Amino acid sequence: MASKIDPSLHRDKKPDWIRVTLPRDPVFWSTKALVSDLKLHTVCEEAQCPNRWECWSQGTATFMIAGDRCTRACGFCAVKTAKPFALEATEPQRVAEATKRLRLKHVVITAVARDDLADGGAEHFAQTIEAVRAAVPDIVIEILVPDFNEKDDALAMVMQSRPHIFNHNLETVERLTPLVRSRAKYARSLHVLRRAKEMAGEMGYKTATKSGLMLGLGETETELFQALDDLLDHGVTVLTLGQYLRPSPQHLPVVEYVHPDTFENYRQIALKKGFRHVASAPLVRSSYHAADFRPELDVI
């Protein structure tokens, strides 16, 4: 049975440290025009990322492939849930073209959950990675993937394309997982992260594994620290921690706005526990300043 959040604990008024600067740099508009011209989706827009103004002004974006309709209805996510359209065969090449035009050195590619497909969209992921690498051979490729319903053959298809960084978000602590991610499983996510690194080794290369959690959903510090230990036990070395922000009244409410000083304390604790790179602040998201981590510095 899913854990419930006490309605009396809801926090709707945002504190002063949750601030987003609106775009002034013309690069923002050129990035937006490029994404529109190539008919691409970005998680920046679809998930209402609070950092899209900053990132787009720097000429970066996180590409979201396999459409903008998700087969899951997670309680935190702004991406719409609906029957997906068919995959677009030209999308991998369009993502590659955008990556080349933006002169990216580090690209992040994510996707909606496609439980309607036998492979969960794994082959489409692999094709996109290969197209991007062909267009920009020396680029660092980071992927943020769904759990593929724990199908090893689907995961292997993605890993054969040799991503430098494999990201799959735990999102929240074990107790809250049934409420926050009703169709996902805590243990399944950990399994996917472990198997991805194992598969890379079996295929003769190294990949860094990465995961992230949202804070402010009602988790306790003890539960958070247990989640961090679980990630480390499954080989994860890169961590992101950020504040959950409610996309709409239909989504899960915010229980707590975690102070920036607490986020910094958690960063220090995570580093002491053994993570190689930790981004922890209220507005941190999975791909925020992703290029700050260089996978060649990771100890795998």
Protein backbone atom coordinates (compact mmCIF):
# COMPACT_ATOMS: atom_id res chain seq x y z
CA MET A 1 0.00 0.00 0.00
CA ALA A 2 1.37 3.40 -0.99
CA SER A 3 2.45 5.80 1.72
CA LYS A 4 0.26 8.86 2.07
CA ILE A 5 1.32 12.44 2.64
CA ASP A 6 -0.38 14.33 5.46
CA PRO A 7 -2.41 17.20 3.86
CA SER A 8 -1.57 19.44 6.82
CA LEU A 9 2.10 19.34 5.78
CA HIS A 10 1.61 20.82 2.30
CA ARG A 11 3.83 23.81 1.47
CA ASP A 12 2.60 25.87 -1.48
CA LYS A 13 4.37 29.18 -0.91
CA LYS A 14 7.87 29.08 -2.35
CA PRO A 15 10.72 30.45 -0.23
CA ASP A 16 13.01 33.24 -1.39
CA TRP A 17 15.75 30.86 -2.49
CA ILE A 18 13.52 29.30 -5.17
CA ARG A 19 14.08 31.92 -7.85
CA VAL A 20 14.27 31.58 -11.61
CA THR A 21 15.82 34.29 -13.77
CA LEU A 22 13.95 34.94 -17.01
CA PRO A 23 15.96 34.89 -20.26
CA ARG A 24 17.69 37.99 -21.59
CA ASP A 25 20.49 36.44 -23.60
CA PRO A 26 19.72 36.12 -27.34
CA VAL A 27 21.31 32.64 -27.27
CA PHE A 28 18.20 31.45 -25.40
CA TRP A 29 15.98 32.36 -28.33
CA SER A 30 18.34 30.89 -30.92
CA THR A 31 18.43 27.61 -28.99
CA LYS A 32 14.65 27.60 -28.74
CA ALA A 33 14.39 28.29 -32.49
CA LEU A 34 16.79 25.45 -33.31
CA VAL A 35 14.85 22.94 -31.23
CA SER A 36 11.61 24.08 -32.86
CA ASP A 37 13.09 24.04 -36.36
CA LEU A 38 14.21 20.43 -36.00
CA LYS A 39 10.89 19.45 -34.40
CA LEU A 40 12.52 18.05 -31.28
CA HIS A 41 11.27 17.65 -27.74
CA THR A 42 13.31 18.63 -24.72
CA VAL A 43 12.82 17.62 -21.12
CA CYS A 44 13.58 21.27 -20.39
CA GLU A 45 10.14 22.24 -21.67
CA GLU A 46 8.09 19.08 -21.22
CA ALA A 47 9.06 18.64 -17.56
CA GLN A 48 8.96 22.39 -16.83
CA CYS A 49 12.58 22.40 -15.68
CA PRO A 50 13.31 25.56 -13.64
CA ASN A 51 16.77 25.83 -15.22
CA ARG A 52 15.71 25.93 -18.85
CA TRP A 53 16.24 29.69 -19.06
CA GLU A 54 19.84 29.37 -17.88
CA CYS A 55 20.70 26.26 -19.88
CA TRP A 56 19.18 27.47 -23.14
CA SER A 57 20.93 30.81 -22.72
CA GLN A 58 24.17 28.80 -22.62
CA GLY A 59 23.23 26.95 -25.79
CA THR A 60 22.52 23.58 -24.13
CA ALA A 61 19.41 21.43 -23.92
CA THR A 62 18.46 17.91 -22.83
CA PHE A 63 16.85 16.09 -25.72
CA MET A 64 13.80 13.95 -24.99
CA ILE A 65 13.31 11.25 -27.61
CA ALA A 66 10.50 8.80 -28.40
CA GLY A 67 7.83 11.51 -28.31
CA ASP A 68 6.31 13.71 -25.63
CA ARG A 69 3.67 11.23 -24.39
CA CYS A 70 4.54 8.93 -21.52
CA THR A 71 2.88 5.61 -20.72
CA ARG A 72 3.31 6.20 -16.99
CA ALA A 73 1.64 8.69 -14.67
CA CYS A 74 4.19 9.51 -11.98
CA GLY A 75 2.90 11.78 -9.24
CA PHE A 76 5.71 14.30 -9.62
CA CYS A 77 6.18 14.59 -13.38
CA ALA A 78 4.84 17.28 -15.72
CA VAL A 79 5.24 15.19 -18.89
CA LYS A 80 1.78 14.26 -20.15
CA THR A 81 0.45 10.73 -19.89
CA ALA A 82 -1.28 9.53 -23.05
CA LYS A 83 -1.17 6.88 -25.75
CA PRO A 84 2.11 7.56 -27.56
CA PHE A 85 2.49 8.12 -31.26
CA ALA A 86 4.70 5.88 -33.39
CA LEU A 87 8.44 6.44 -33.17
CA GLU A 88 9.88 8.82 -35.75
CA ALA A 89 12.60 7.14 -37.78
CA THR A 90 14.30 10.47 -38.52
CA GLU A 91 14.49 11.61 -34.89
CA PRO A 92 17.97 10.18 -34.16
CA GLN A 93 19.44 12.15 -37.07
CA ARG A 94 17.62 15.32 -36.00
CA VAL A 95 19.02 15.03 -32.49
CA ALA A 96 22.48 14.52 -34.00
CA GLU A 97 22.05 17.59 -36.18
CA ALA A 98 20.97 19.72 -33.23
CA THR A 99 23.92 18.47 -31.19
CA LYS A 100 26.29 19.42 -34.00
CA ARG A 101 24.74 22.86 -34.57
CA LEU A 102 24.85 23.67 -30.86
CA ARG A 103 28.53 22.62 -30.81
CA LEU A 104 27.92 20.55 -27.72
CA LYS A 105 30.79 18.77 -26.02
CA HIS A 106 28.47 16.95 -23.61
CA VAL A 107 24.98 15.88 -24.63
CA VAL A 108 22.19 14.48 -22.44
CA ILE A 109 19.55 12.29 -24.07
CA THR A 110 16.47 11.13 -22.20
CA ALA A 111 13.11 9.67 -23.16
CA VAL A 112 9.57 9.13 -22.00
CA ALA A 113 8.66 5.66 -20.74
CA ARG A 114 7.41 3.59 -23.68
CA ASP A 115 5.80 0.56 -22.06
CA ASP A 116 3.77 0.15 -25.27
CA LEU A 117 6.91 -1.05 -27.07
CA ALA A 118 8.37 -4.51 -26.55
CA ASP A 119 11.85 -3.08 -25.98
CA GLY A 120 10.67 0.05 -24.15
CA GLY A 121 12.30 2.21 -26.84
CA ALA A 122 15.78 0.74 -26.31
CA GLU A 123 16.62 0.36 -29.99
CA HIS A 124 15.57 3.98 -30.63
CA PHE A 125 17.87 5.06 -27.80
CA ALA A 126 20.76 3.12 -29.32
CA GLN A 127 20.14 4.58 -32.78
CA THR A 128 20.13 8.10 -31.35
CA ILE A 129 23.38 7.56 -29.46
CA GLU A 130 25.05 6.16 -32.57
CA ALA A 131 23.80 9.02 -34.74
CA VAL A 132 25.09 11.62 -32.28
CA ARG A 133 28.49 9.93 -32.03
CA ALA A 134 28.77 9.79 -35.83
CA ALA A 135 28.01 13.51 -36.08
CA VAL A 136 30.29 14.58 -33.20
CA PRO A 137 32.83 11.77 -32.61
CA ASP A 138 34.54 13.23 -29.53
CA ILE A 139 31.37 14.19 -27.63
CA VAL A 140 30.56 12.90 -24.13
CA ILE A 141 27.21 11.12 -24.30
CA GLU A 142 25.04 10.92 -21.20
CA ILE A 143 21.74 9.09 -21.24
CA LEU A 144 18.88 9.28 -18.74
CA VAL A 145 16.76 6.19 -19.24
CA PRO A 146 13.55 4.57 -17.95
CA ASP A 147 13.76 1.14 -16.33
CA PHE A 148 12.76 -0.82 -19.49
CA ASN A 149 10.64 -2.96 -17.14
CA GLU A 150 13.89 -4.62 -16.03
CA LYS A 151 14.36 -6.38 -19.37
CA ASP A 152 18.04 -7.23 -19.67
CA ASP A 153 17.87 -7.64 -23.44
CA ALA A 154 16.52 -4.10 -23.82
CA LEU A 155 19.15 -2.70 -21.46
CA ALA A 156 21.87 -4.58 -23.33
CA MET A 157 20.73 -3.01 -26.60
CA VAL A 158 21.30 0.44 -25.08
CA MET A 159 24.62 -0.47 -23.49
CA GLN A 160 25.96 -1.80 -26.78
CA SER A 161 25.92 1.80 -28.01
CA ARG A 162 28.55 2.60 -25.34
CA PRO A 163 27.27 5.69 -23.49
CA HIS A 164 29.85 7.44 -21.33
CA ILE A 165 27.38 8.13 -18.50
CA PHE A 166 24.33 6.01 -17.70
CA ASN A 167 21.73 7.80 -15.60
CA HIS A 168 18.57 6.32 -14.13
CA ASN A 169 16.89 8.23 -11.32
CA LEU A 170 15.83 6.61 -8.08
CA GLU A 171 13.70 9.78 -7.61
CA THR A 172 12.75 9.18 -3.97
CA VAL A 173 13.28 6.95 -0.93
CA GLU A 174 11.97 3.40 -0.79
CA ARG A 175 8.93 4.13 1.42
CA LEU A 176 7.62 6.86 -0.90
CA THR A 177 8.29 5.08 -4.19
CA PRO A 178 4.78 3.55 -4.54
CA LEU A 179 3.27 7.03 -4.11
CA VAL A 180 5.73 8.98 -6.26
CA ARG A 181 6.34 6.40 -9.01
CA SER A 182 3.36 4.06 -8.92
CA ARG A 183 4.53 1.78 -11.78
CA ALA A 184 8.21 1.81 -10.85
CA LYS A 185 9.94 -0.20 -8.17
CA TYR A 186 12.79 0.87 -5.91
CA ALA A 187 14.63 -2.45 -6.20
CA ARG A 188 14.13 -2.52 -9.96
CA SER A 189 15.81 0.87 -10.38
CA LEU A 190 18.78 -0.28 -8.33
CA HIS A 191 19.01 -3.46 -10.41
CA VAL A 192 19.03 -1.47 -13.67
CA LEU A 193 21.86 0.74 -12.41
CA ARG A 194 23.94 -2.24 -11.32
CA ARG A 195 23.35 -4.22 -14.52
CA ALA A 196 24.21 -1.25 -16.74
CA LYS A 197 27.68 -1.02 -15.22
CA GLU A 198 28.12 -4.79 -15.28
CA MET A 199 27.11 -4.96 -18.93
CA ALA A 200 29.56 -2.23 -19.88
CA GLY A 201 32.34 -4.26 -18.26
CA GLU A 202 31.21 -7.41 -20.02
CA MET A 203 31.28 -5.51 -23.32
CA GLY A 204 34.81 -4.25 -22.70
CA TYR A 205 34.33 -0.60 -21.79
CA LYS A 206 33.65 1.57 -18.75
CA THR A 207 30.65 3.75 -18.02
CA ALA A 208 29.89 5.97 -15.06
CA THR A 209 26.49 5.37 -13.45
CA LYS A 210 24.48 8.27 -12.10
CA SER A 211 21.21 8.71 -10.21
CA GLY A 212 19.20 11.42 -8.52
CA LEU A 213 16.57 12.06 -5.87
CA MET A 214 14.04 14.80 -5.30
CA LEU A 215 13.77 16.13 -1.76
CA GLY A 216 10.80 17.67 -0.01
CA LEU A 217 8.29 14.88 -0.58
CA GLY A 218 8.22 13.80 3.06
CA GLU A 219 11.37 11.67 3.26
CA THR A 220 13.36 11.53 6.49
CA GLU A 221 17.12 11.98 6.70
CA THR A 222 17.50 8.36 7.75
CA GLU A 223 15.60 7.24 4.65
CA LEU A 224 17.64 9.54 2.41
CA PHE A 225 20.94 8.28 3.76
CA GLN A 226 19.76 4.69 3.29
CA ALA A 227 18.95 5.48 -0.35
CA LEU A 228 22.44 6.93 -0.82
CA ASP A 229 23.97 3.77 0.68
CA ASP A 230 21.81 1.62 -1.60
CA LEU A 231 23.02 3.54 -4.66
CA LEU A 232 26.65 3.16 -3.63
CA ASP A 233 26.10 -0.56 -3.02
CA HIS A 234 24.88 -0.82 -6.63
CA GLY A 235 27.90 0.94 -8.15
CA VAL A 236 26.54 4.46 -8.58
CA THR A 237 29.23 7.14 -8.32
CA VAL A 238 27.50 10.32 -9.56
CA LEU A 239 24.59 11.82 -7.60
CA THR A 240 22.13 14.69 -8.00
CA LEU A 241 19.87 16.02 -5.24
CA GLY A 242 17.27 18.70 -5.92
CA GLN A 243 14.09 20.21 -4.53
CA TYR A 244 10.79 18.76 -5.72
CA LEU A 245 8.62 21.50 -7.21
CA ARG A 246 4.94 20.84 -7.84
CA PRO A 247 4.14 21.20 -11.57
CA SER A 248 0.38 21.67 -11.05
CA PRO A 249 -2.36 21.24 -8.41
CA GLN A 250 -2.96 17.75 -9.83
CA HIS A 251 0.53 16.61 -8.83
CA LEU A 252 1.92 15.63 -5.45
CA PRO A 253 2.24 18.56 -3.05
CA VAL A 254 5.49 19.83 -1.62
CA VAL A 255 5.86 18.75 2.01
CA GLU A 256 9.03 20.73 2.71
CA TYR A 257 11.26 23.29 1.02
CA VAL A 258 14.73 22.16 1.97
CA HIS A 259 17.14 24.99 2.79
CA PRO A 260 20.21 25.45 0.56
CA ASP A 261 22.49 24.94 3.58
CA THR A 262 20.93 21.52 4.12
CA PHE A 263 21.52 20.62 0.48
CA GLU A 264 25.18 21.57 0.89
CA ASN A 265 25.40 19.46 4.03
CA TYR A 266 23.94 16.51 2.13
CA ARG A 267 26.52 17.07 -0.63
CA GLN A 268 29.35 16.85 1.86
CA ILE A 269 27.87 13.73 3.47
CA ALA A 270 27.42 12.05 0.07
CA LEU A 271 31.03 12.78 -0.87
CA LYS A 272 32.24 11.34 2.44
CA LYS A 273 30.14 8.25 1.81
CA GLY A 274 32.00 7.67 -1.43
CA PHE A 275 30.26 9.39 -4.36
CA ARG A 276 32.77 10.79 -6.84
CA HIS A 277 30.67 13.76 -7.96
CA VAL A 278 27.63 15.30 -6.24
CA ALA A 279 25.41 18.17 -7.37
CA SER A 280 23.09 19.18 -4.53
CA ALA A 281 21.03 22.38 -4.41
CA PRO A 282 17.35 23.35 -4.61
CA LEU A 283 17.27 23.85 -8.39
CA VAL A 284 19.58 20.97 -9.31
CA ARG A 285 18.08 18.56 -11.82
CA SER A 286 19.46 15.42 -13.46
CA SER A 287 21.18 17.20 -16.33
CA TYR A 288 21.90 20.57 -14.66
CA HIS A 289 25.55 21.45 -15.33
CA ALA A 290 25.97 17.83 -16.41
CA ALA A 291 29.25 18.66 -18.16
CA ASP A 292 30.82 19.61 -14.81
CA PHE A 293 31.38 15.90 -14.29
CA ARG A 294 34.05 14.40 -16.52
CA PRO A 295 33.58 10.63 -16.69
CA GLU A 296 37.28 10.01 -17.30
CA LEU A 297 37.91 11.18 -13.73
CA ASP A 298 35.54 8.60 -12.27
CA VAL A 299 36.92 5.56 -10.51
CA ILE A 300 34.93 2.68 -11.91
